[in-house]
């Protein structure tokens, strides 16, 4: 597999290669559990090897990489204005690749090890990434004012799933109508493709189902199929009627936030943080939030909980003058 600057290999070619390939990057990507993870890792690795100017990538070429090249890549990203979170993610991708090669006995040391290449510290105050309730109302009001009924009902349903479901944008994009069903009196959404690589289910509130049904009624009335992907592109180009991408989900929310006058750079993932924060503020236990958002580690959920607790029962509350 070649990585050529300005003419990079399409990630789909990478995914189609055999698990028995001798290409170290192909071996690494094939070992990932989900398509979204493979795509993310693939993009980061292509960026790195393109930066180094590699025309081909094999184990011999990788063995010549030291922490100096990784550090230079990190500094390059910083100079190009990449966010700290993006830089750290790319470094993590490199670290994961090299870690596999060390485990396979193909490398002696990991040149992206954090003891050799420092990342950029990221603020852990996750509650600051949540969207304020009044901002949520502004965004939703903007959506409800859309004249086109199909666009309006689609985007209302996306908004509801992000806020109440706490879904990742890729999970929203991959929902199919067959994934929605009743289990007794409860509304359930099956997620066949998740970050963990295994299928998962979440409960949907009645309000979320209401907006999904309203959207479905408009789809059927206007002659669209309701057998495949739930959320489709309504752009006036070749993508019309095709399944929305996760990038499209993000752009849709950004567009509505800007139109509503919100001066914060809203992303689709911020709705996931918001779901977590609102649930905790409403009295949900950390374990309940962990289960709903499908956090692998309770520590992730507890960071929200502990940050909120610092504000609820704060030392300054006890100061009397």
C-alpha atoms as a PDB file:
ATOM      1  CA  UNK A   1       0.000   0.000   0.000  1.00  0.00           C
ATOM      2  CA  UNK A   2       1.408   3.385  -0.994  1.00  0.00           C
ATOM      3  CA  UNK A   3       0.997   6.722   0.716  1.00  0.00           C
ATOM      4  CA  UNK A   4       1.745   9.446  -1.811  1.00  0.00           C
ATOM      5  CA  UNK A   5       1.627  13.153  -0.941  1.00  0.00           C
ATOM      6  CA  UNK A   6      -1.178  14.817  -2.868  1.00  0.00           C
ATOM      7  CA  UNK A   7      -2.442  11.456  -4.100  1.00  0.00           C
ATOM      8  CA  UNK A   8      -3.258   9.477  -0.945  1.00  0.00           C
ATOM      9  CA  UNK A   9      -4.730   5.998  -1.037  1.00  0.00           C
ATOM     10  CA  UNK A  10      -8.464   5.937  -0.454  1.00  0.00           C
ATOM     11  CA  UNK A  11      -9.287   4.445   2.923  1.00  0.00           C
ATOM     12  CA  UNK A  12     -11.765   2.076   1.285  1.00  0.00           C
ATOM     13  CA  UNK A  13      -8.870   0.405  -0.521  1.00  0.00           C
ATOM     14  CA  UNK A  14      -7.214  -0.114   2.829  1.00  0.00           C
ATOM     15  CA  UNK A  15     -10.308  -1.714   4.313  1.00  0.00           C
ATOM     16  CA  UNK A  16     -10.744  -4.069   1.378  1.00  0.00           C
ATOM     17  CA  UNK A  17      -7.286  -5.579   1.713  1.00  0.00           C
ATOM     18  CA  UNK A  18      -6.969  -9.027   3.204  1.00  0.00           C
ATOM     19  CA  UNK A  19      -6.415  -9.585   6.888  1.00  0.00           C
ATOM     20  CA  UNK A  20      -3.426 -11.664   5.807  1.00  0.00           C
ATOM     21  CA  UNK A  21      -1.704  -8.724   4.125  1.00  0.00           C
ATOM     22  CA  UNK A  22       1.943  -8.224   5.030  1.00  0.00           C
ATOM     23  CA  UNK A  23       1.458  -4.452   4.977  1.00  0.00           C
ATOM     24  CA  UNK A  24       1.864  -3.285   8.631  1.00  0.00           C
ATOM     25  CA  UNK A  25      -0.685  -0.487   8.315  1.00  0.00           C
ATOM     26  CA  UNK A  26      -3.216  -2.758   6.655  1.00  0.00           C
ATOM     27  CA  UNK A  27      -2.727  -5.290   9.455  1.00  0.00           C
ATOM     28  CA  UNK A  28      -3.302  -2.585  12.039  1.00  0.00           C
ATOM     29  CA  UNK A  29      -6.458  -1.169  10.414  1.00  0.00           C
ATOM     30  CA  UNK A  30      -7.946  -4.597   9.782  1.00  0.00           C
ATOM     31  CA  UNK A  31      -7.624  -5.341  13.494  1.00  0.00           C
ATOM     32  CA  UNK A  32      -9.891  -2.466  14.519  1.00  0.00           C
ATOM     33  CA  UNK A  33     -13.424  -3.316  15.577  1.00  0.00           C
ATOM     34  CA  UNK A  34     -15.494  -0.673  13.768  1.00  0.00           C
ATOM     35  CA  UNK A  35     -15.458   1.072  10.403  1.00  0.00           C
ATOM     36  CA  UNK A  36     -15.476   4.513  12.033  1.00  0.00           C
ATOM     37  CA  UNK A  37     -12.360   3.660  14.070  1.00  0.00           C
ATOM     38  CA  UNK A  38     -10.598   2.317  10.982  1.00  0.00           C
ATOM     39  CA  UNK A  39     -11.439   5.476   9.042  1.00  0.00           C
ATOM     40  CA  UNK A  40     -10.164   7.736  11.818  1.00  0.00           C
ATOM     41  CA  UNK A  41      -6.936   5.793  12.305  1.00  0.00           C
ATOM     42  CA  UNK A  42      -6.422   5.538   8.541  1.00  0.00           C
ATOM     43  CA  UNK A  43      -6.745   9.283   8.019  1.00  0.00           C
ATOM     44  CA  UNK A  44      -4.304  10.061  10.845  1.00  0.00           C
ATOM     45  CA  UNK A  45      -1.713   7.569   9.614  1.00  0.00           C
ATOM     46  CA  UNK A  46      -1.947   8.791   6.021  1.00  0.00           C
ATOM     47  CA  UNK A  47      -1.411  12.337   7.292  1.00  0.00           C
ATOM     48  CA  UNK A  48       1.712  11.334   9.214  1.00  0.00           C
ATOM     49  CA  UNK A  49       3.372   9.346   6.417  1.00  0.00           C
ATOM     50  CA  UNK A  50       2.461  12.006   3.877  1.00  0.00           C
ATOM     51  CA  UNK A  51       4.166  14.568   6.129  1.00  0.00           C
ATOM     52  CA  UNK A  52       7.309  12.409   6.106  1.00  0.00           C
ATOM     53  CA  UNK A  53       7.139  12.183   2.319  1.00  0.00           C
ATOM     54  CA  UNK A  54       6.959   8.388   2.239  1.00  0.00           C
ATOM     55  CA  UNK A  55       6.082   6.992  -1.179  1.00  0.00           C
ATOM     56  CA  UNK A  56       5.678   3.490   0.220  1.00  0.00           C
ATOM     57  CA  UNK A  57       5.219   2.265   3.758  1.00  0.00           C
ATOM     58  CA  UNK A  58       6.683  -1.062   4.812  1.00  0.00           C
ATOM     59  CA  UNK A  59       8.139  -2.397   8.036  1.00  0.00           C
ATOM     60  CA  UNK A  60      11.670  -1.422   7.028  1.00  0.00           C
ATOM     61  CA  UNK A  61      10.593   2.187   6.494  1.00  0.00           C
ATOM     62  CA  UNK A  62       8.731   2.249   9.809  1.00  0.00           C
ATOM     63  CA  UNK A  63      11.744   0.866  11.652  1.00  0.00           C
ATOM     64  CA  UNK A  64      13.650   3.980  10.585  1.00  0.00           C
ATOM     65  CA  UNK A  65      11.212   6.295  12.399  1.00  0.00           C
ATOM     66  CA  UNK A  66      12.281   7.768  15.726  1.00  0.00           C
ATOM     67  CA  UNK A  67      10.605  10.038  18.254  1.00  0.00           C
ATOM     68  CA  UNK A  68      12.225  12.970  16.421  1.00  0.00           C
ATOM     69  CA  UNK A  69       9.984  12.463  13.352  1.00  0.00           C
ATOM     70  CA  UNK A  70       6.913  12.110  15.561  1.00  0.00           C
ATOM     71  CA  UNK A  71       7.846  15.255  17.481  1.00  0.00           C
ATOM     72  CA  UNK A  72       8.372  17.145  14.231  1.00  0.00           C
ATOM     73  CA  UNK A  73       4.910  16.029  13.073  1.00  0.00           C
ATOM     74  CA  UNK A  74       3.378  17.203  16.357  1.00  0.00           C
ATOM     75  CA  UNK A  75       5.069  20.601  16.048  1.00  0.00           C
ATOM     76  CA  UNK A  76       3.977  20.879  12.412  1.00  0.00           C
ATOM     77  CA  UNK A  77       0.352  20.280  13.399  1.00  0.00           C
ATOM     78  CA  UNK A  78       0.599  22.945  16.080  1.00  0.00           C
ATOM     79  CA  UNK A  79       2.085  25.455  13.624  1.00  0.00           C
ATOM     80  CA  UNK A  80      -0.748  24.678  11.183  1.00  0.00           C
ATOM     81  CA  UNK A  81      -3.316  25.646  13.827  1.00  0.00           C
ATOM     82  CA  UNK A  82      -4.699  22.197  14.656  1.00  0.00           C
ATOM     83  CA  UNK A  83      -6.618  21.996  17.921  1.00  0.00           C
ATOM     84  CA  UNK A  84      -4.971  20.276  20.865  1.00  0.00           C
ATOM     85  CA  UNK A  85      -7.581  17.527  20.818  1.00  0.00           C
ATOM     86  CA  UNK A  86      -6.868  16.819  17.130  1.00  0.00           C
ATOM     87  CA  UNK A  87      -3.108  16.739  17.706  1.00  0.00           C
ATOM     88  CA  UNK A  88      -3.481  14.375  20.647  1.00  0.00           C
ATOM     89  CA  UNK A  89      -5.789  12.115  18.643  1.00  0.00           C
ATOM     90  CA  UNK A  90      -3.264  11.844  15.798  1.00  0.00           C
ATOM     91  CA  UNK A  91      -0.478  11.092  18.259  1.00  0.00           C
ATOM     92  CA  UNK A  92      -2.663   8.407  19.835  1.00  0.00           C
ATOM     93  CA  UNK A  93      -3.208   6.844  16.402  1.00  0.00           C
ATOM     94  CA  UNK A  94       0.541   6.667  15.832  1.00  0.00           C
ATOM     95  CA  UNK A  95       1.130   5.300  19.307  1.00  0.00           C
ATOM     96  CA  UNK A  96      -1.446   2.554  18.720  1.00  0.00           C
ATOM     97  CA  UNK A  97       0.140   1.507  15.406  1.00  0.00           C
ATOM     98  CA  UNK A  98       3.647   1.376  16.869  1.00  0.00           C
ATOM     99  CA  UNK A  99       2.384  -0.429  19.980  1.00  0.00           C
ATOM    100  CA  UNK A 100       1.006  -3.212  17.783  1.00  0.00           C
ATOM    101  CA  UNK A 101       4.309  -3.502  15.928  1.00  0.00           C
ATOM    102  CA  UNK A 102       6.243  -3.668  19.215  1.00  0.00           C
ATOM    103  CA  UNK A 103       3.894  -6.431  20.427  1.00  0.00           C
ATOM    104  CA  UNK A 104       4.427  -8.277  17.134  1.00  0.00           C
ATOM    105  CA  UNK A 105       8.190  -8.077  17.576  1.00  0.00           C
ATOM    106  CA  UNK A 106       8.639  -5.888  14.500  1.00  0.00           C
ATOM    107  CA  UNK A 107       9.789  -2.819  16.477  1.00  0.00           C
ATOM    108  CA  UNK A 108      11.969  -2.608  19.547  1.00  0.00           C
ATOM    109  CA  UNK A 109      10.523   0.622  20.904  1.00  0.00           C
ATOM    110  CA  UNK A 110       7.479   2.821  20.389  1.00  0.00           C
ATOM    111  CA  UNK A 111       8.676   6.132  18.858  1.00  0.00           C
ATOM    112  CA  UNK A 112       5.367   7.787  19.772  1.00  0.00           C
ATOM    113  CA  UNK A 113       5.498   6.799  23.430  1.00  0.00           C
ATOM    114  CA  UNK A 114       4.288   9.657  25.641  1.00  0.00           C
ATOM    115  CA  UNK A 115       7.549   9.575  27.623  1.00  0.00           C
ATOM    116  CA  UNK A 116       9.334  10.546  24.396  1.00  0.00           C
ATOM    117  CA  UNK A 117       6.720  12.706  22.680  1.00  0.00           C
ATOM    118  CA  UNK A 118       4.614  14.937  24.873  1.00  0.00           C
ATOM    119  CA  UNK A 119       1.094  15.711  23.775  1.00  0.00           C
ATOM    120  CA  UNK A 120      -0.862  18.848  24.515  1.00  0.00           C
ATOM    121  CA  UNK A 121      -2.716  19.012  27.806  1.00  0.00           C
ATOM    122  CA  UNK A 122      -6.449  19.245  27.323  1.00  0.00           C
ATOM    123  CA  UNK A 123      -8.796  20.882  29.806  1.00  0.00           C
ATOM    124  CA  UNK A 124     -10.630  18.114  31.626  1.00  0.00           C
ATOM    125  CA  UNK A 125     -13.532  20.298  32.730  1.00  0.00           C
ATOM    126  CA  UNK A 126     -15.957  18.411  30.545  1.00  0.00           C
ATOM    127  CA  UNK A 127     -18.981  20.249  31.899  1.00  0.00           C
ATOM    128  CA  UNK A 128     -17.723  23.281  29.981  1.00  0.00           C
ATOM    129  CA  UNK A 129     -18.391  21.405  26.739  1.00  0.00           C
ATOM    130  CA  UNK A 130     -22.099  21.077  27.508  1.00  0.00           C
ATOM    131  CA  UNK A 131     -24.578  23.333  25.732  1.00  0.00           C
ATOM    132  CA  UNK A 132     -26.633  25.566  28.024  1.00  0.00           C
ATOM    133  CA  UNK A 133     -30.408  24.877  28.104  1.00  0.00           C
ATOM    134  CA  UNK A 134     -31.273  28.353  26.776  1.00  0.00           C
ATOM    135  CA  UNK A 135     -28.877  27.773  23.860  1.00  0.00           C
ATOM    136  CA  UNK A 136     -30.523  24.430  23.126  1.00  0.00           C
ATOM    137  CA  UNK A 137     -33.898  26.175  23.002  1.00  0.00           C
ATOM    138  CA  UNK A 138     -32.564  28.781  20.569  1.00  0.00           C
ATOM    139  CA  UNK A 139     -31.201  26.105  18.241  1.00  0.00           C
ATOM    140  CA  UNK A 140     -34.393  24.046  18.356  1.00  0.00           C
ATOM    141  CA  UNK A 141     -36.551  27.120  17.761  1.00  0.00           C
ATOM    142  CA  UNK A 142     -34.480  27.906  14.671  1.00  0.00           C
ATOM    143  CA  UNK A 143     -35.098  24.395  13.379  1.00  0.00           C
ATOM    144  CA  UNK A 144     -38.858  24.608  13.970  1.00  0.00           C
ATOM    145  CA  UNK A 145     -38.980  27.768  11.833  1.00  0.00           C
ATOM    146  CA  UNK A 146     -37.694  25.988   8.694  1.00  0.00           C
ATOM    147  CA  UNK A 147     -40.290  26.276   5.919  1.00  0.00           C
ATOM    148  CA  UNK A 148     -39.511  22.981   4.190  1.00  0.00           C
ATOM    149  CA  UNK A 149     -41.404  20.310   6.166  1.00  0.00           C
ATOM    150  CA  UNK A 150     -39.030  17.490   5.223  1.00  0.00           C
ATOM    151  CA  UNK A 151     -35.895  19.365   6.265  1.00  0.00           C
ATOM    152  CA  UNK A 152     -37.597  20.642   9.405  1.00  0.00           C
ATOM    153  CA  UNK A 153     -38.847  17.262  10.626  1.00  0.00           C
ATOM    154  CA  UNK A 154     -35.565  15.533   9.756  1.00  0.00           C
ATOM    155  CA  UNK A 155     -33.458  18.042  11.675  1.00  0.00           C
ATOM    156  CA  UNK A 156     -35.863  18.079  14.626  1.00  0.00           C
ATOM    157  CA  UNK A 157     -35.484  14.305  14.901  1.00  0.00           C
ATOM    158  CA  UNK A 158     -31.681  14.549  14.693  1.00  0.00           C
ATOM    159  CA  UNK A 159     -31.676  17.209  17.423  1.00  0.00           C
ATOM    160  CA  UNK A 160     -33.842  15.065  19.713  1.00  0.00           C
ATOM    161  CA  UNK A 161     -31.650  11.987  19.251  1.00  0.00           C
ATOM    162  CA  UNK A 162     -28.501  13.961  20.022  1.00  0.00           C
ATOM    163  CA  UNK A 163     -29.900  15.598  23.162  1.00  0.00           C
ATOM    164  CA  UNK A 164     -31.901  12.735  24.689  1.00  0.00           C
ATOM    165  CA  UNK A 165     -30.051   9.790  23.183  1.00  0.00           C
ATOM    166  CA  UNK A 166     -26.554  11.163  23.670  1.00  0.00           C
ATOM    167  CA  UNK A 167     -25.576   9.494  20.416  1.00  0.00           C
ATOM    168  CA  UNK A 168     -22.331   9.985  18.562  1.00  0.00           C
ATOM    169  CA  UNK A 169     -22.821  11.615  15.167  1.00  0.00           C
ATOM    170  CA  UNK A 170     -21.710   8.437  13.362  1.00  0.00           C
ATOM    171  CA  UNK A 171     -24.342   6.487  15.281  1.00  0.00           C
ATOM    172  CA  UNK A 172     -27.054   8.930  14.215  1.00  0.00           C
ATOM    173  CA  UNK A 173     -25.951   8.719  10.579  1.00  0.00           C
ATOM    174  CA  UNK A 174     -26.031   4.900  10.623  1.00  0.00           C
ATOM    175  CA  UNK A 175     -29.557   4.466  12.042  1.00  0.00           C
ATOM    176  CA  UNK A 176     -31.928   2.458   9.830  1.00  0.00           C
ATOM    177  CA  UNK A 177     -35.686   2.268  10.277  1.00  0.00           C
ATOM    178  CA  UNK A 178     -35.431  -1.423  11.157  1.00  0.00           C
ATOM    179  CA  UNK A 179     -33.301  -0.451  14.181  1.00  0.00           C
ATOM    180  CA  UNK A 180     -36.301   1.200  15.883  1.00  0.00           C
ATOM    181  CA  UNK A 181     -38.679  -1.091  17.755  1.00  0.00           C
ATOM    182  CA  UNK A 182     -40.854  -1.605  20.829  1.00  0.00           C
ATOM    183  CA  UNK A 183     -39.810  -3.794  23.738  1.00  0.00           C
ATOM    184  CA  UNK A 184     -42.902  -4.051  25.899  1.00  0.00           C
ATOM    185  CA  UNK A 185     -43.911  -0.461  26.686  1.00  0.00           C
ATOM    186  CA  UNK A 186     -40.447   0.917  25.946  1.00  0.00           C
ATOM    187  CA  UNK A 187     -39.116   2.483  22.749  1.00  0.00           C
ATOM    188  CA  UNK A 188     -35.725   1.025  21.845  1.00  0.00           C
ATOM    189  CA  UNK A 189     -33.046   1.921  19.326  1.00  0.00           C
ATOM    190  CA  UNK A 190     -30.592  -0.792  18.303  1.00  0.00           C
ATOM    191  CA  UNK A 191     -27.146   0.487  17.358  1.00  0.00           C
ATOM    192  CA  UNK A 192     -25.461  -2.164  15.184  1.00  0.00           C
ATOM    193  CA  UNK A 193     -22.269  -0.141  14.683  1.00  0.00           C
ATOM    194  CA  UNK A 194     -20.762   1.590  17.716  1.00  0.00           C
ATOM    195  CA  UNK A 195     -17.346   2.735  18.878  1.00  0.00           C
ATOM    196  CA  UNK A 196     -16.927  -0.510  20.836  1.00  0.00           C
ATOM    197  CA  UNK A 197     -17.460  -2.553  17.690  1.00  0.00           C
ATOM    198  CA  UNK A 198     -20.431  -4.417  19.204  1.00  0.00           C
ATOM    199  CA  UNK A 199     -24.159  -3.827  18.843  1.00  0.00           C
ATOM    200  CA  UNK A 200     -25.837  -1.898  21.645  1.00  0.00           C
ATOM    201  CA  UNK A 201     -29.341  -0.694  22.527  1.00  0.00           C
ATOM    202  CA  UNK A 202     -30.655   2.476  24.135  1.00  0.00           C
ATOM    203  CA  UNK A 203     -34.050   3.612  25.388  1.00  0.00           C
ATOM    204  CA  UNK A 204     -35.770   6.418  23.485  1.00  0.00           C
ATOM    205  CA  UNK A 205     -38.079   8.898  25.172  1.00  0.00           C
ATOM    206  CA  UNK A 206     -41.615   9.331  23.799  1.00  0.00           C
ATOM    207  CA  UNK A 207     -40.754  12.853  22.626  1.00  0.00           C
ATOM    208  CA  UNK A 208     -37.909  11.509  20.478  1.00  0.00           C
ATOM    209  CA  UNK A 209     -40.172   8.877  18.926  1.00  0.00           C
ATOM    210  CA  UNK A 210     -42.792  11.565  18.255  1.00  0.00           C
ATOM    211  CA  UNK A 211     -40.366  13.569  16.104  1.00  0.00           C
ATOM    212  CA  UNK A 212     -39.114  10.436  14.341  1.00  0.00           C
ATOM    213  CA  UNK A 213     -42.683   9.419  13.466  1.00  0.00           C
ATOM    214  CA  UNK A 214     -43.489  12.925  12.265  1.00  0.00           C
ATOM    215  CA  UNK A 215     -40.428  12.840  10.006  1.00  0.00           C
ATOM    216  CA  UNK A 216     -41.343   9.403   8.710  1.00  0.00           C
ATOM    217  CA  UNK A 217     -44.869  10.551   7.831  1.00  0.00           C
ATOM    218  CA  UNK A 218     -43.475  13.422   5.752  1.00  0.00           C
ATOM    219  CA  UNK A 219     -41.012  11.080   4.024  1.00  0.00           C
ATOM    220  CA  UNK A 220     -43.807   8.713   3.027  1.00  0.00           C
ATOM    221  CA  UNK A 221     -46.078  11.535   1.945  1.00  0.00           C
ATOM    222  CA  UNK A 222     -43.398  12.905  -0.364  1.00  0.00           C
ATOM    223  CA  UNK A 223     -42.602   9.523  -1.866  1.00  0.00           C
ATOM    224  CA  UNK A 224     -39.324   8.640  -0.132  1.00  0.00           C
ATOM    225  CA  UNK A 225     -38.494   5.128   1.022  1.00  0.00           C
ATOM    226  CA  UNK A 226     -38.641   4.319   4.718  1.00  0.00           C
ATOM    227  CA  UNK A 227     -36.920   0.957   4.395  1.00  0.00           C
ATOM    228  CA  UNK A 228     -33.265   1.994   4.608  1.00  0.00           C
ATOM    229  CA  UNK A 229     -31.327   4.743   6.381  1.00  0.00           C
ATOM    230  CA  UNK A 230     -33.420   7.062   8.542  1.00  0.00           C
ATOM    231  CA  UNK A 231     -31.572  10.280   7.787  1.00  0.00           C
ATOM    232  CA  UNK A 232     -31.015  11.126   4.137  1.00  0.00           C
ATOM    233  CA  UNK A 233     -29.429  13.990   2.258  1.00  0.00           C
ATOM    234  CA  UNK A 234     -31.813  16.597   0.885  1.00  0.00           C
ATOM    235  CA  UNK A 235     -29.121  18.463  -1.029  1.00  0.00           C
ATOM    236  CA  UNK A 236     -29.845  19.218  -4.668  1.00  0.00           C
ATOM    237  CA  UNK A 237     -27.001  17.125  -6.036  1.00  0.00           C
ATOM    238  CA  UNK A 238     -26.096  13.480  -6.594  1.00  0.00           C
ATOM    239  CA  UNK A 239     -26.186  12.787  -2.849  1.00  0.00           C
ATOM    240  CA  UNK A 240     -29.923  13.571  -2.706  1.00  0.00           C
ATOM    241  CA  UNK A 241     -31.759  10.706  -1.056  1.00  0.00           C
ATOM    242  CA  UNK A 242     -28.549   9.018   0.076  1.00  0.00           C
ATOM    243  CA  UNK A 243     -27.690   8.274   3.702  1.00  0.00           C
ATOM    244  CA  UNK A 244     -26.293  11.284   5.556  1.00  0.00           C
ATOM    245  CA  UNK A 245     -22.642  11.084   6.596  1.00  0.00           C
ATOM    246  CA  UNK A 246     -21.470  11.779  10.139  1.00  0.00           C
ATOM    247  CA  UNK A 247     -19.829  14.956   8.817  1.00  0.00           C
ATOM    248  CA  UNK A 248     -23.225  16.069   7.503  1.00  0.00           C
ATOM    249  CA  UNK A 249     -24.801  15.542  10.939  1.00  0.00           C
ATOM    250  CA  UNK A 250     -22.145  17.825  12.397  1.00  0.00           C
ATOM    251  CA  UNK A 251     -22.587  20.494   9.700  1.00  0.00           C
ATOM    252  CA  UNK A 252     -26.373  20.491  10.110  1.00  0.00           C
ATOM    253  CA  UNK A 253     -26.100  21.272  13.824  1.00  0.00           C
ATOM    254  CA  UNK A 254     -23.413  23.896  13.225  1.00  0.00           C
ATOM    255  CA  UNK A 255     -25.619  25.586  10.619  1.00  0.00           C
ATOM    256  CA  UNK A 256     -28.627  25.810  12.916  1.00  0.00           C
ATOM    257  CA  UNK A 257     -26.502  27.060  15.818  1.00  0.00           C
ATOM    258  CA  UNK A 258     -25.036  29.847  13.679  1.00  0.00           C
ATOM    259  CA  UNK A 259     -28.451  30.806  12.331  1.00  0.00           C
ATOM    260  CA  UNK A 260     -29.837  31.002  15.868  1.00  0.00           C
ATOM    261  CA  UNK A 261     -27.154  33.547  16.790  1.00  0.00           C
ATOM    262  CA  UNK A 262     -25.157  31.273  19.104  1.00  0.00           C
ATOM    263  CA  UNK A 263     -21.610  32.629  19.352  1.00  0.00           C
ATOM    264  CA  UNK A 264     -20.116  29.303  20.500  1.00  0.00           C
ATOM    265  CA  UNK A 265     -18.595  26.856  18.019  1.00  0.00           C
ATOM    266  CA  UNK A 266     -21.226  24.133  18.375  1.00  0.00           C
ATOM    267  CA  UNK A 267     -20.366  20.583  17.328  1.00  0.00           C
ATOM    268  CA  UNK A 268     -22.567  17.491  17.231  1.00  0.00           C
ATOM    269  CA  UNK A 269     -20.421  15.827  19.912  1.00  0.00           C
ATOM    270  CA  UNK A 270     -21.232  18.650  22.341  1.00  0.00           C
ATOM    271  CA  UNK A 271     -24.797  17.353  22.432  1.00  0.00           C
ATOM    272  CA  UNK A 272     -23.436  14.109  23.889  1.00  0.00           C
ATOM    273  CA  UNK A 273     -21.720  16.060  26.658  1.00  0.00           C
ATOM    274  CA  UNK A 274     -24.971  17.959  27.143  1.00  0.00           C
ATOM    275  CA  UNK A 275     -26.992  14.761  27.498  1.00  0.00           C
ATOM    276  CA  UNK A 276     -24.597  13.580  30.178  1.00  0.00           C
ATOM    277  CA  UNK A 277     -24.614  16.859  32.094  1.00  0.00           C
ATOM    278  CA  UNK A 278     -28.404  17.332  31.977  1.00  0.00           C
ATOM    279  CA  UNK A 279     -28.984  13.765  33.151  1.00  0.00           C
ATOM    280  CA  UNK A 280     -26.659  14.259  36.130  1.00  0.00           C
ATOM    281  CA  UNK A 281     -28.203  17.630  36.960  1.00  0.00           C
ATOM    282  CA  UNK A 282     -31.617  15.976  36.805  1.00  0.00           C
ATOM    283  CA  UNK A 283     -30.574  13.470  39.460  1.00  0.00           C
ATOM    284  CA  UNK A 284     -29.435  10.426  37.447  1.00  0.00           C
ATOM    285  CA  UNK A 285     -26.811   8.252  39.087  1.00  0.00           C
ATOM    286  CA  UNK A 286     -23.392   8.063  37.409  1.00  0.00           C
ATOM    287  CA  UNK A 287     -23.944   4.362  36.677  1.00  0.00           C
ATOM    288  CA  UNK A 288     -27.228   5.166  34.892  1.00  0.00           C
ATOM    289  CA  UNK A 289     -25.514   7.802  32.760  1.00  0.00           C
ATOM    290  CA  UNK A 290     -22.625   5.435  32.012  1.00  0.00           C
ATOM    291  CA  UNK A 291     -25.099   2.817  30.781  1.00  0.00           C
ATOM    292  CA  UNK A 292     -27.086   5.277  28.648  1.00  0.00           C
ATOM    293  CA  UNK A 293     -24.035   6.840  26.995  1.00  0.00           C
ATOM    294  CA  UNK A 294     -22.265   3.467  26.837  1.00  0.00           C
ATOM    295  CA  UNK A 295     -19.065   4.764  28.419  1.00  0.00           C
ATOM    296  CA  UNK A 296     -16.616   1.869  28.660  1.00  0.00           C
ATOM    297  CA  UNK A 297     -15.104   3.264  31.858  1.00  0.00           C
ATOM    298  CA  UNK A 298     -17.119   4.803  34.702  1.00  0.00           C
ATOM    299  CA  UNK A 299     -14.250   7.245  35.199  1.00  0.00           C
ATOM    300  CA  UNK A 300     -15.363   9.083  32.048  1.00  0.00           C
ATOM    301  CA  UNK A 301     -18.843   9.587  33.484  1.00  0.00           C
ATOM    302  CA  UNK A 302     -17.526  10.447  36.942  1.00  0.00           C
ATOM    303  CA  UNK A 303     -15.550  13.354  35.512  1.00  0.00           C
ATOM    304  CA  UNK A 304     -18.863  15.002  34.606  1.00  0.00           C
ATOM    305  CA  UNK A 305     -20.379  14.100  37.958  1.00  0.00           C
ATOM    306  CA  UNK A 306     -17.463  15.339  40.047  1.00  0.00           C
ATOM    307  CA  UNK A 307     -17.192  18.595  38.116  1.00  0.00           C
ATOM    308  CA  UNK A 308     -20.887  19.244  38.731  1.00  0.00           C
ATOM    309  CA  UNK A 309     -20.630  18.300  42.406  1.00  0.00           C
ATOM    310  CA  UNK A 310     -17.895  20.911  42.881  1.00  0.00           C
ATOM    311  CA  UNK A 311     -20.432  23.567  41.896  1.00  0.00           C
ATOM    312  CA  UNK A 312     -23.424  22.151  43.794  1.00  0.00           C
ATOM    313  CA  UNK A 313     -21.654  22.009  47.157  1.00  0.00           C
ATOM    314  CA  UNK A 314     -18.897  24.568  46.818  1.00  0.00           C
ATOM    315  CA  UNK A 315     -16.661  26.041  49.525  1.00  0.00           C
ATOM    316  CA  UNK A 316     -17.761  29.553  48.588  1.00  0.00           C
ATOM    317  CA  UNK A 317     -21.333  28.659  49.611  1.00  0.00           C
ATOM    318  CA  UNK A 318     -20.188  28.571  53.238  1.00  0.00           C
ATOM    319  CA  UNK A 319     -18.708  32.077  53.304  1.00  0.00           C
ATOM    320  CA  UNK A 320     -20.895  34.546  55.207  1.00  0.00           C
ATOM    321  CA  UNK A 321     -20.049  38.214  55.752  1.00  0.00           C
END
